[in-house]
Protein backbone atom coordinates (compact mmCIF):
# COMPACT_ATOMS: atom_id res chain seq x y z
CA MET A 1 -22.97 -10.13 2.25
CA ALA A 2 -20.05 -8.62 0.38
CA PHE A 3 -16.93 -7.59 2.22
CA LYS A 4 -15.46 -4.13 1.79
CA VAL A 5 -12.28 -4.02 -0.32
CA LYS A 6 -9.46 -1.95 1.15
CA TYR A 7 -6.25 -1.37 -0.79
CA SER A 8 -2.82 -1.17 0.77
CA LEU A 9 -0.64 1.68 -0.44
CA GLN A 10 1.60 -0.85 -2.19
CA ALA A 11 -1.39 -2.41 -3.96
CA LEU A 12 -2.55 0.98 -5.22
CA GLU A 13 0.92 1.84 -6.50
CA GLU A 14 1.28 -1.52 -8.25
CA GLN A 15 -2.14 -1.27 -9.87
CA PHE A 16 -1.32 2.25 -11.07
CA ASP A 17 2.03 1.08 -12.46
CA LEU A 18 0.42 -1.89 -14.21
CA LEU A 19 -2.28 0.22 -15.83
CA GLU A 20 0.23 2.89 -16.82
CA TYR A 21 2.39 0.22 -18.50
CA ILE A 22 -0.59 -1.26 -20.35
CA ILE A 23 -1.81 2.13 -21.57
CA ARG A 24 1.67 3.14 -22.70
CA ASN A 25 2.27 -0.12 -24.57
CA PHE A 26 -1.19 -1.24 -25.67
CA GLY A 27 -3.41 1.85 -25.61
CA ILE A 28 -6.07 3.38 -23.41
CA THR A 29 -8.80 1.00 -24.58
CA LYS A 30 -6.80 -2.01 -23.37
CA GLY A 31 -6.03 -0.17 -20.12
CA GLU A 32 -9.73 0.45 -19.52
CA GLU A 33 -10.48 -3.20 -20.30
CA ILE A 34 -7.89 -4.47 -17.81
CA PHE A 35 -9.08 -2.00 -15.16
CA GLN A 36 -12.64 -3.31 -15.54
CA GLU A 37 -11.43 -6.91 -15.35
CA ILE A 38 -9.58 -6.12 -12.10
CA GLU A 39 -12.72 -4.51 -10.67
CA ASN A 40 -14.78 -7.58 -11.66
CA VAL A 41 -12.34 -9.93 -9.91
CA LEU A 42 -12.37 -7.75 -6.78
CA GLU A 43 -16.17 -7.87 -6.73
CA LEU A 44 -16.01 -11.68 -6.89
CA ILE A 45 -13.49 -11.72 -4.06
CA ALA A 46 -15.66 -9.38 -1.97
CA GLU A 47 -18.63 -11.72 -2.43
CA ASN A 48 -16.70 -14.95 -1.83
CA PRO A 49 -13.25 -14.32 -0.35
CA GLU A 50 -12.44 -18.01 0.02
CA MET A 51 -12.82 -18.75 -3.69
CA PHE A 52 -9.05 -18.57 -4.32
CA PRO A 53 -6.46 -20.76 -2.60
CA ALA A 54 -4.06 -19.75 0.13
CA SER A 55 -0.59 -18.73 -1.01
CA TYR A 56 2.12 -21.37 -0.53
CA LYS A 57 4.69 -18.79 0.56
CA LYS A 58 2.38 -16.83 2.87
CA PRO A 59 -0.62 -18.90 3.97
CA GLU A 60 -2.30 -15.85 5.54
CA LEU A 61 -2.71 -14.48 2.00
CA ARG A 62 -4.84 -15.80 -0.82
CA LYS A 63 -3.69 -15.78 -4.43
CA CYS A 64 -5.79 -15.06 -7.49
CA VAL A 65 -3.92 -15.65 -10.75
CA PHE A 66 -5.16 -12.76 -12.86
CA SER A 67 -2.97 -13.49 -15.90
CA LYS A 68 0.30 -15.28 -16.68
CA GLN A 69 2.20 -12.20 -15.54
CA THR A 70 -0.03 -10.92 -12.73
CA SER A 71 -1.48 -12.30 -9.51
CA ILE A 72 -3.65 -10.59 -6.96
CA TYR A 73 -2.75 -11.33 -3.34
CA TYR A 74 -5.26 -10.52 -0.63
CA ARG A 75 -6.36 -11.31 2.89
CA PHE A 76 -9.76 -10.99 4.46
CA LYS A 77 -11.07 -10.49 7.95
CA GLU A 78 -14.50 -11.42 9.19
CA ASP A 79 -15.00 -7.88 10.51
C-alpha cells in the first residue's frame, strides 16, 4: 500500500525555486528531467517510506540525498 504524499508549503516553494533555477540555468529539458526524477523518488518513498535513514539532526525526519546539492527531507505517519 502506498502512502499519500503531502507537501508542506515550504517544500512546494523550495521545489519551485529549484526547478526555476535549473530551467533558467540549464534549460527546460533539464528542468523537466529533474522534475520527473523528483516524482520518481517520491513514488519510491510513498511505497517504502523507511527506505532512507533518519536525519542525524532531526531524527523524526528521514533524509534522501537526491544529489550532491539537494536532499529531500520527509516524515511519514501510519495514518
